[in-house]
N, C-alpha and C. Protein backbone atom coordinates (compact mmCIF):
# COMPACT_ATOMS: atom_id res chain seq x y z
N MET A 1 99.91 124.73 77.86
CA MET A 1 99.54 124.12 78.94
C MET A 1 98.34 125.69 79.29
N ALA A 2 97.23 124.52 79.72
CA ALA A 2 95.84 125.47 79.85
C ALA A 2 95.88 126.63 81.08
N SER A 3 96.82 126.14 82.27
CA SER A 3 97.10 126.97 83.40
C SER A 3 98.05 126.07 84.15
N LYS A 4 99.14 127.35 84.85
CA LYS A 4 99.78 126.34 85.83
C LYS A 4 99.77 125.64 86.92
N PRO A 5 100.26 124.63 87.54
CA PRO A 5 99.81 123.86 88.99
C PRO A 5 99.86 124.86 89.97
N LEU A 6 99.60 124.63 90.80
CA LEU A 6 99.77 125.38 92.29
C LEU A 6 101.05 125.58 92.44
N SER A 7 101.61 124.36 92.25
CA SER A 7 103.19 123.89 93.05
C SER A 7 104.27 124.44 92.11
N VAL A 8 103.77 124.84 91.20
CA VAL A 8 104.67 125.67 90.08
C VAL A 8 104.71 126.93 89.88
N ARG A 9 102.94 127.52 90.50
CA ARG A 9 102.83 128.81 90.95
C ARG A 9 103.58 129.53 92.17
N ILE A 10 103.60 128.45 92.86
CA ILE A 10 104.35 128.77 94.42
C ILE A 10 105.93 128.41 94.08
N LEU A 11 106.47 127.76 93.68
CA LEU A 11 108.13 127.64 93.15
C LEU A 11 107.90 129.20 92.76
N GLU A 12 107.63 129.89 91.82
CA GLU A 12 108.42 130.60 91.30
C GLU A 12 107.66 131.93 92.03
N ARG A 13 107.01 131.61 92.68
CA ARG A 13 106.74 133.41 93.41
C ARG A 13 107.25 132.87 94.36
N ARG A 14 108.02 132.25 94.86
CA ARG A 14 108.98 132.41 96.44
C ARG A 14 110.82 132.00 95.64
N ASN A 15 110.59 131.96 94.08
CA ASN A 15 111.90 132.52 93.52
C ASN A 15 112.89 130.56 93.49
N VAL A 16 111.98 130.03 93.40
CA VAL A 16 112.53 128.47 93.57
C VAL A 16 113.17 128.05 92.46
N PRO A 17 114.39 127.99 92.12
CA PRO A 17 114.99 127.49 90.66
C PRO A 17 114.81 126.11 90.00
N HIS A 18 113.58 125.78 89.08
CA HIS A 18 113.25 124.75 88.96
C HIS A 18 113.00 124.53 87.53
N GLU A 19 112.94 123.49 87.07
CA GLU A 19 112.59 122.92 85.13
C GLU A 19 111.42 122.36 85.65
N VAL A 20 110.35 122.70 84.92
CA VAL A 20 108.91 121.98 84.71
C VAL A 20 109.20 120.93 83.20
N PHE A 21 108.71 119.47 83.42
CA PHE A 21 108.87 118.70 82.32
C PHE A 21 107.56 117.71 82.20
N THR A 22 106.38 118.18 80.74
CA THR A 22 105.60 117.88 80.31
C THR A 22 105.62 116.87 79.40
N PHE A 23 104.73 115.45 79.55
CA PHE A 23 104.67 114.05 79.20
C PHE A 23 103.43 113.68 78.75
N ASP A 24 102.83 112.98 78.17
CA ASP A 24 101.68 112.29 77.62
C ASP A 24 101.15 111.70 78.84
N THR A 25 99.89 112.00 79.44
CA THR A 25 99.12 111.98 80.72
C THR A 25 98.85 110.04 80.73
N ALA A 26 99.25 109.39 79.40
CA ALA A 26 98.91 107.99 79.41
C ALA A 26 100.16 107.68 80.33
N ILE A 27 101.33 108.15 80.30
CA ILE A 27 102.33 108.02 81.20
C ILE A 27 101.91 107.79 82.83
N ARG A 28 102.23 107.22 83.76
CA ARG A 28 101.53 106.80 85.25
C ARG A 28 102.73 106.28 85.73
N SER A 29 103.75 105.68 85.68
CA SER A 29 104.50 104.63 86.70
C SER A 29 105.76 105.71 86.38
N ALA A 30 106.17 106.06 87.92
CA ALA A 30 108.02 106.71 87.90
C ALA A 30 108.59 106.71 86.76
N ASP A 31 108.86 104.92 86.86
CA ASP A 31 109.70 104.46 86.08
C ASP A 31 109.89 105.14 84.44
N GLU A 32 108.65 104.90 84.12
CA GLU A 32 108.39 105.18 82.71
C GLU A 32 108.79 106.83 82.62
N VAL A 33 108.27 107.67 83.72
CA VAL A 33 108.39 109.12 83.42
C VAL A 33 110.35 109.32 83.94
N ALA A 34 111.00 108.67 84.47
CA ALA A 34 112.14 108.78 84.40
C ALA A 34 112.75 108.30 82.76
N ARG A 35 112.37 107.39 81.96
CA ARG A 35 112.72 107.03 80.81
C ARG A 35 112.10 108.61 79.88
N VAL A 36 110.97 108.95 79.96
CA VAL A 36 110.78 109.67 78.85
C VAL A 36 111.85 111.08 79.58
N THR A 37 111.76 111.73 80.47
CA THR A 37 112.44 112.83 80.92
C THR A 37 113.97 112.93 80.84
N GLY A 38 114.43 111.49 80.61
CA GLY A 38 116.18 111.46 81.12
C GLY A 38 116.77 111.67 82.46
N MET A 39 115.75 111.58 83.20
CA MET A 39 116.62 111.68 84.43
C MET A 39 116.49 109.74 85.29
N PRO A 40 117.25 109.86 85.87
CA PRO A 40 118.23 108.46 86.39
C PRO A 40 116.96 108.59 87.53
N PHE A 41 116.68 106.93 87.32
CA PHE A 41 115.59 106.40 87.86
C PHE A 41 115.31 106.42 89.60
N GLU A 42 116.89 106.80 89.87
CA GLU A 42 116.73 107.22 91.77
C GLU A 42 116.39 108.83 91.81
N ALA A 43 116.35 109.77 90.55
CA ALA A 43 116.28 110.50 90.95
C ALA A 43 114.75 110.93 90.82
N VAL A 44 114.19 110.36 90.28
CA VAL A 44 112.61 110.79 89.71
C VAL A 44 111.70 109.65 91.45
N TYR A 45 111.11 110.82 91.59
CA TYR A 45 110.22 109.92 92.99
C TYR A 45 108.83 110.25 92.70
N LYS A 46 108.22 109.50 93.36
CA LYS A 46 107.15 109.33 93.50
C LYS A 46 106.33 109.50 94.86
N THR A 47 105.50 109.85 94.73
CA THR A 47 104.47 110.24 95.87
C THR A 47 103.13 109.57 96.27
N LEU A 48 103.38 108.60 97.72
CA LEU A 48 102.77 107.42 98.09
C LEU A 48 102.02 108.31 98.96
N VAL A 49 100.71 107.77 99.03
CA VAL A 49 99.93 108.21 100.13
C VAL A 49 99.69 106.55 101.19
N LEU A 50 99.54 107.01 102.13
CA LEU A 50 100.23 106.12 103.24
C LEU A 50 98.78 106.29 104.49
N GLU A 51 97.73 105.15 104.99
CA GLU A 51 97.40 105.61 105.84
C GLU A 51 97.38 104.68 106.67
N ALA A 52 97.47 104.79 108.27
CA ALA A 52 97.45 104.33 109.17
C ALA A 52 96.16 102.83 108.94
N ASP A 53 96.56 101.48 109.75
CA ASP A 53 95.30 100.97 109.25
C ASP A 53 95.01 100.39 110.40
N PRO A 54 93.88 100.35 110.62
CA PRO A 54 92.97 101.23 110.29
C PRO A 54 93.02 102.94 110.35
N PRO A 55 92.30 103.67 109.59
CA PRO A 55 92.69 104.68 109.30
C PRO A 55 92.30 105.74 110.31
N THR A 56 93.28 106.44 110.77
CA THR A 56 93.17 107.63 112.71
C THR A 56 93.16 108.73 112.21
N ALA A 57 94.03 109.45 111.61
CA ALA A 57 94.44 110.86 111.32
C ALA A 57 95.04 110.74 109.76
N LYS A 58 95.28 112.19 109.33
CA LYS A 58 95.50 112.37 108.23
C LYS A 58 96.48 111.52 107.34
N PRO A 59 96.48 110.95 106.16
CA PRO A 59 97.53 110.27 106.00
C PRO A 59 98.74 110.81 105.55
N TRP A 60 99.58 110.52 105.72
CA TRP A 60 101.32 110.33 105.46
C TRP A 60 101.31 110.59 103.58
N LEU A 61 102.55 111.49 103.68
CA LEU A 61 102.98 111.55 101.85
C LEU A 61 103.94 111.00 102.08
N PHE A 62 104.34 109.89 101.72
CA PHE A 62 105.95 109.67 101.31
C PHE A 62 106.30 109.58 99.98
N MET A 63 107.85 110.55 99.70
CA MET A 63 108.35 110.44 98.45
C MET A 63 109.22 109.41 98.43
N VAL A 64 109.26 108.29 97.00
CA VAL A 64 109.85 107.57 97.47
C VAL A 64 110.99 107.60 95.76
N PRO A 65 111.78 107.05 95.95
CA PRO A 65 112.67 106.97 94.52
C PRO A 65 111.95 105.72 93.81
N SER A 66 111.23 106.00 92.26
CA SER A 66 110.94 104.88 91.14
C SER A 66 111.35 103.87 91.03
N ASP A 67 112.82 103.59 92.00
CA ASP A 67 113.17 102.10 91.52
C ASP A 67 113.18 101.53 93.13
N SER A 68 112.02 101.72 94.01
CA SER A 68 111.78 101.06 95.15
C SER A 68 110.45 101.09 95.40
N GLU A 69 110.36 100.44 96.27
CA GLU A 69 109.02 99.87 96.77
C GLU A 69 109.34 100.17 98.33
N VAL A 70 107.79 100.51 99.12
CA VAL A 70 107.83 100.58 100.31
C VAL A 70 107.99 99.58 101.49
N ASP A 71 108.84 99.48 102.09
CA ASP A 71 108.39 98.20 103.47
C ASP A 71 107.75 98.73 104.64
N LEU A 72 106.00 98.44 104.54
CA LEU A 72 105.17 99.31 105.34
C LEU A 72 105.32 98.85 106.97
N LYS A 73 105.88 97.59 106.83
CA LYS A 73 106.27 97.55 108.54
C LYS A 73 107.26 98.36 109.01
N ALA A 74 107.93 98.35 107.97
CA ALA A 74 109.17 99.29 108.96
C ALA A 74 109.04 100.80 108.80
N LEU A 75 108.06 101.42 107.68
CA LEU A 75 107.66 102.78 108.04
C LEU A 75 107.20 103.06 109.08
N ALA A 76 106.18 101.99 109.39
CA ALA A 76 105.41 102.28 110.53
C ALA A 76 105.87 102.07 111.59
N ALA A 77 106.73 101.23 111.88
CA ALA A 77 107.67 101.05 113.12
C ALA A 77 108.47 102.77 112.99
N GLU A 78 108.49 103.37 112.16
CA GLU A 78 109.38 104.47 112.25
C GLU A 78 108.60 106.05 112.49
N VAL A 79 107.30 105.69 111.81
CA VAL A 79 106.56 106.94 112.34
C VAL A 79 105.50 106.56 113.70
N GLY A 80 105.97 105.34 114.35
CA GLY A 80 105.28 105.01 115.40
C GLY A 80 104.33 104.95 115.57
N ILE A 81 103.85 104.15 114.61
CA ILE A 81 102.43 103.12 114.58
C ILE A 81 102.35 102.17 114.75
N LYS A 82 101.25 101.02 114.46
CA LYS A 82 101.73 99.84 114.89
C LYS A 82 101.20 98.96 113.43
N LYS A 83 100.50 99.54 112.14
CA LYS A 83 100.24 99.76 111.22
C LYS A 83 100.12 100.36 110.11
N LEU A 84 100.41 100.30 108.46
CA LEU A 84 100.24 101.06 107.56
C LEU A 84 99.68 100.54 106.97
N ARG A 85 99.12 101.39 105.44
CA ARG A 85 98.52 100.71 104.35
C ARG A 85 98.28 101.48 103.69
N MET A 86 98.92 101.06 102.08
CA MET A 86 98.72 101.64 101.06
C MET A 86 97.46 102.36 100.76
N ALA A 87 97.28 103.72 100.62
CA ALA A 87 95.66 104.48 99.89
C ALA A 87 95.72 103.56 99.21
N SER A 88 94.13 103.39 98.70
CA SER A 88 93.84 102.99 97.50
C SER A 88 93.76 104.16 96.53
N HIS A 89 93.53 103.88 95.50
CA HIS A 89 93.64 105.09 94.45
C HIS A 89 92.34 106.28 94.35
N SER A 90 91.43 105.46 95.12
CA SER A 90 90.29 106.67 95.36
C SER A 90 90.22 107.24 96.40
N ASP A 91 90.74 106.41 97.66
CA ASP A 91 90.91 107.16 98.84
C ASP A 91 92.38 108.38 99.04
N ALA A 92 93.31 107.98 98.07
CA ALA A 92 94.28 108.96 97.61
C ALA A 92 93.77 109.99 97.15
N GLU A 93 93.15 109.75 95.82
CA GLU A 93 92.17 111.14 95.51
C GLU A 93 91.53 111.96 96.22
N ARG A 94 90.45 110.98 97.27
CA ARG A 94 89.67 111.98 97.88
C ARG A 94 90.53 112.58 99.33
N HIS A 95 91.35 111.95 99.85
CA HIS A 95 91.97 112.60 100.70
C HIS A 95 92.62 114.04 100.27
N THR A 96 93.31 113.60 99.11
CA THR A 96 94.29 115.31 98.64
C THR A 96 93.60 116.07 97.67
N GLY A 97 92.94 115.12 96.76
CA GLY A 97 91.89 116.45 95.78
C GLY A 97 92.74 116.48 94.60
N LEU A 98 93.76 115.60 94.64
CA LEU A 98 94.72 115.46 93.25
C LEU A 98 93.99 113.58 92.70
N GLN A 99 94.49 113.85 91.50
CA GLN A 99 94.49 112.61 90.31
C GLN A 99 96.06 111.88 90.53
N VAL A 100 95.48 110.74 91.10
CA VAL A 100 96.83 109.54 91.08
C VAL A 100 97.81 109.68 89.72
N GLY A 101 98.77 109.82 90.07
CA GLY A 101 99.80 110.18 88.92
C GLY A 101 100.14 111.23 88.69
N GLY A 102 99.50 112.57 89.92
CA GLY A 102 99.71 113.38 89.99
C GLY A 102 99.53 113.97 91.61
N ILE A 103 99.50 113.24 92.40
CA ILE A 103 99.66 113.82 93.46
C ILE A 103 100.94 113.99 93.98
N SER A 104 101.13 115.36 94.58
CA SER A 104 102.55 116.17 94.93
C SER A 104 102.49 116.65 96.62
N ALA A 105 103.20 116.33 96.95
CA ALA A 105 103.45 117.14 98.18
C ALA A 105 103.33 118.64 97.96
N LEU A 106 104.35 119.15 96.63
CA LEU A 106 104.61 120.49 96.37
C LEU A 106 102.98 121.26 96.10
N ALA A 107 102.11 120.41 95.93
CA ALA A 107 100.34 120.88 95.84
C ALA A 107 99.92 120.85 96.85
N LEU A 108 100.39 120.37 98.01
CA LEU A 108 99.36 120.05 98.81
C LEU A 108 99.69 121.04 100.34
N LEU A 109 101.08 121.86 99.82
CA LEU A 109 101.63 122.93 101.08
C LEU A 109 100.70 123.16 102.11
N GLY A 110 100.76 123.32 103.11
CA GLY A 110 99.38 123.98 104.15
C GLY A 110 98.33 123.15 104.35
N LYS A 111 98.26 122.07 103.60
CA LYS A 111 96.87 120.71 104.07
C LYS A 111 96.83 120.21 105.10
N GLY A 112 98.48 120.79 105.73
CA GLY A 112 98.61 119.39 106.85
C GLY A 112 98.93 117.85 106.78
N PHE A 113 99.16 117.49 105.51
CA PHE A 113 99.68 116.16 105.28
C PHE A 113 101.20 115.77 106.22
N PRO A 114 101.30 114.62 107.16
CA PRO A 114 102.91 114.64 107.12
C PRO A 114 103.52 114.23 105.61
N VAL A 115 104.50 114.85 105.69
CA VAL A 115 105.81 114.45 104.45
C VAL A 115 106.77 113.88 105.35
N LEU A 116 106.93 112.33 104.20
CA LEU A 116 108.07 111.82 104.38
C LEU A 116 109.13 111.88 103.04
N ILE A 117 110.17 111.73 102.77
CA ILE A 117 111.22 111.06 102.39
C ILE A 117 111.90 110.46 102.37
N ASP A 118 112.28 109.48 101.50
CA ASP A 118 113.55 108.76 101.29
C ASP A 118 114.84 109.24 101.47
N ASP A 119 115.26 108.40 102.71
CA ASP A 119 116.99 109.64 102.78
C ASP A 119 117.56 109.58 101.92
N ARG A 120 117.72 108.26 100.79
CA ARG A 120 118.75 108.62 99.97
C ARG A 120 118.25 109.73 98.70
N ALA A 121 117.13 110.51 99.12
CA ALA A 121 117.40 111.88 98.44
C ALA A 121 118.64 112.02 98.70
N SER A 122 118.94 112.92 100.16
CA SER A 122 120.10 113.74 100.86
C SER A 122 121.16 113.25 99.47
N GLU A 123 121.56 111.84 98.97
CA GLU A 123 122.47 112.17 98.30
C GLU A 123 122.54 112.62 96.75
N LEU A 124 121.35 113.49 96.45
CA LEU A 124 120.91 113.89 95.21
C LEU A 124 121.28 115.42 95.38
N GLU A 125 121.56 116.00 94.55
CA GLU A 125 121.55 117.53 94.00
C GLU A 125 120.15 117.95 93.52
N GLN A 126 119.53 117.07 92.87
CA GLN A 126 118.12 117.36 92.18
C GLN A 126 117.56 116.56 92.11
N ILE A 127 116.12 116.69 92.31
CA ILE A 127 115.07 115.31 92.30
C ILE A 127 113.82 116.06 91.58
N LEU A 128 113.26 114.89 90.47
CA LEU A 128 112.01 115.16 89.76
C LEU A 128 111.03 114.39 90.67
N VAL A 129 109.56 115.29 91.29
CA VAL A 129 108.88 114.81 91.40
C VAL A 129 107.75 115.53 91.02
N SER A 130 106.25 114.86 91.19
CA SER A 130 104.91 115.81 90.60
C SER A 130 105.10 117.09 90.72
N ALA A 131 104.30 117.78 89.66
CA ALA A 131 103.83 119.04 89.84
C ALA A 131 102.55 119.06 90.65
N GLY A 132 101.68 117.99 90.56
CA GLY A 132 100.29 117.98 91.46
C GLY A 132 99.63 117.92 89.64
N ALA A 133 100.00 117.76 88.87
CA ALA A 133 98.96 117.52 87.68
C ALA A 133 99.46 116.17 86.71
N GLN A 134 98.60 115.62 85.88
CA GLN A 134 99.33 113.99 85.68
C GLN A 134 99.60 114.78 84.23
N GLY A 135 100.72 113.96 84.21
CA GLY A 135 101.59 114.45 82.80
C GLY A 135 102.28 115.80 83.12
N MET A 136 102.80 116.25 84.28
CA MET A 136 103.83 117.15 84.70
C MET A 136 104.73 116.80 86.06
N ASP A 137 105.76 117.20 85.68
CA ASP A 137 106.50 116.80 86.59
C ASP A 137 107.38 118.21 87.01
N VAL A 138 108.32 118.49 88.07
CA VAL A 138 108.77 119.62 88.29
C VAL A 138 110.22 119.07 88.97
N ARG A 139 111.65 119.30 88.53
CA ARG A 139 113.03 119.24 88.78
C ARG A 139 113.29 120.71 89.76
N LEU A 140 113.92 119.71 90.59
CA LEU A 140 114.46 121.36 91.80
C LEU A 140 115.53 120.44 92.56
N ALA A 141 115.88 121.21 93.54
CA ALA A 141 116.90 121.63 94.51
C ALA A 141 116.55 120.45 95.40
N VAL A 142 117.04 118.85 96.10
CA VAL A 142 116.22 118.56 97.32
C VAL A 142 116.15 119.36 98.45
N ASP A 143 117.42 120.59 98.80
CA ASP A 143 116.99 121.00 99.71
C ASP A 143 116.24 122.34 99.80
N ASP A 144 115.53 122.43 98.61
CA ASP A 144 114.20 123.35 98.14
C ASP A 144 112.79 122.43 98.75
N LEU A 145 113.49 121.52 98.02
CA LEU A 145 112.19 120.28 98.00
C LEU A 145 111.57 120.18 99.89
N VAL A 146 112.81 119.84 100.83
CA VAL A 146 112.62 119.65 102.00
C VAL A 146 111.76 120.84 102.36
N ALA A 147 112.79 121.88 102.10
CA ALA A 147 112.46 122.81 103.15
C ALA A 147 111.07 123.34 102.83
N LEU A 148 110.52 123.31 101.68
CA LEU A 148 109.20 123.49 101.10
C LEU A 148 108.20 123.08 102.16
N THR A 149 108.47 121.72 101.90
CA THR A 149 107.37 120.76 102.03
C THR A 149 107.33 120.31 103.75
N GLY A 150 108.81 120.25 103.99
CA GLY A 150 108.82 120.25 105.92
C GLY A 150 109.30 118.79 106.15
N ALA A 151 109.57 117.84 104.63
CA ALA A 151 109.47 116.59 104.74
C ALA A 151 110.94 115.89 105.49
N ARG A 152 110.65 115.10 106.11
CA ARG A 152 111.29 114.25 107.29
C ARG A 152 111.50 113.21 106.54
N GLY A 153 112.89 113.05 106.84
CA GLY A 153 113.86 112.28 106.15
C GLY A 153 113.82 110.85 106.61
N VAL A 154 113.40 109.64 106.46
CA VAL A 154 113.62 108.27 106.83
C VAL A 154 114.33 106.90 105.78
N ALA A 155 114.76 106.55 106.46
CA ALA A 155 116.01 105.49 106.22
C ALA A 155 115.50 104.46 106.37
N GLY A 156 115.58 103.34 105.63
CA GLY A 156 115.81 101.42 105.52
C GLY A 156 113.78 101.13 105.71
N CYS A 157 113.36 101.90 104.92
CA CYS A 157 111.97 101.63 104.98
C CYS A 157 111.47 101.40 103.42
N THR A 158 112.64 101.39 102.40
CA THR A 158 111.89 101.23 100.98
C THR A 158 113.31 99.94 100.73
N LYS A 159 112.86 99.13 99.32
CA LYS A 159 114.03 97.89 99.16
C LYS A 159 113.85 98.35 97.97
N LEU A 160 114.77 98.40 97.18
CA LEU A 160 115.38 98.66 95.02
C LEU A 160 114.73 97.44 95.14
N ILE A 161 113.53 97.77 93.73
CA ILE A 161 113.25 97.01 92.87
C ILE A 161 113.78 96.86 91.03
N ALA A 162 113.58 96.24 90.22
CA ALA A 162 114.14 96.27 89.07
C ALA A 162 113.52 97.44 88.19
N CYS A 163 114.47 98.29 87.30
CA CYS A 163 113.44 99.05 86.77
C CYS A 163 114.09 99.13 85.28
N GLY A 164 113.63 100.11 84.25
CA GLY A 164 114.32 99.92 83.01
C GLY A 164 114.14 98.54 82.53
């Protein structure tokens, strides 16, 4: 590894217990990450970039379990807007400065992104999220992730999909 991603340096600087997992950068889906890291699907979270439709402000970062997909209508109601859409890959990269597959709320601390997390994370002790670089994730306590990112829990905005 040439250099540590910003998120890992932040965790180290703040003495937040964590474990870094590296894997082939060709692996892009959260369910594949679960398989190669040995983590349960429900503990591997992907970070989605969501925009108001039409875009009006900074997009939201929404961390959801790899075994779920977002109900955009329910989430729009939860955040108090009429309509949300998933940012395209190019828009997600433009907004965050990170490559798809490496978008991380931890790597975007202090950048003004509103951060949401599926409420089911509160049932877990630890969670695996992107470290801010493709092929690298970090496992840390859910409480630490929420405290660092200021993530607001939302319920009823995702639905389970088949994994594995």
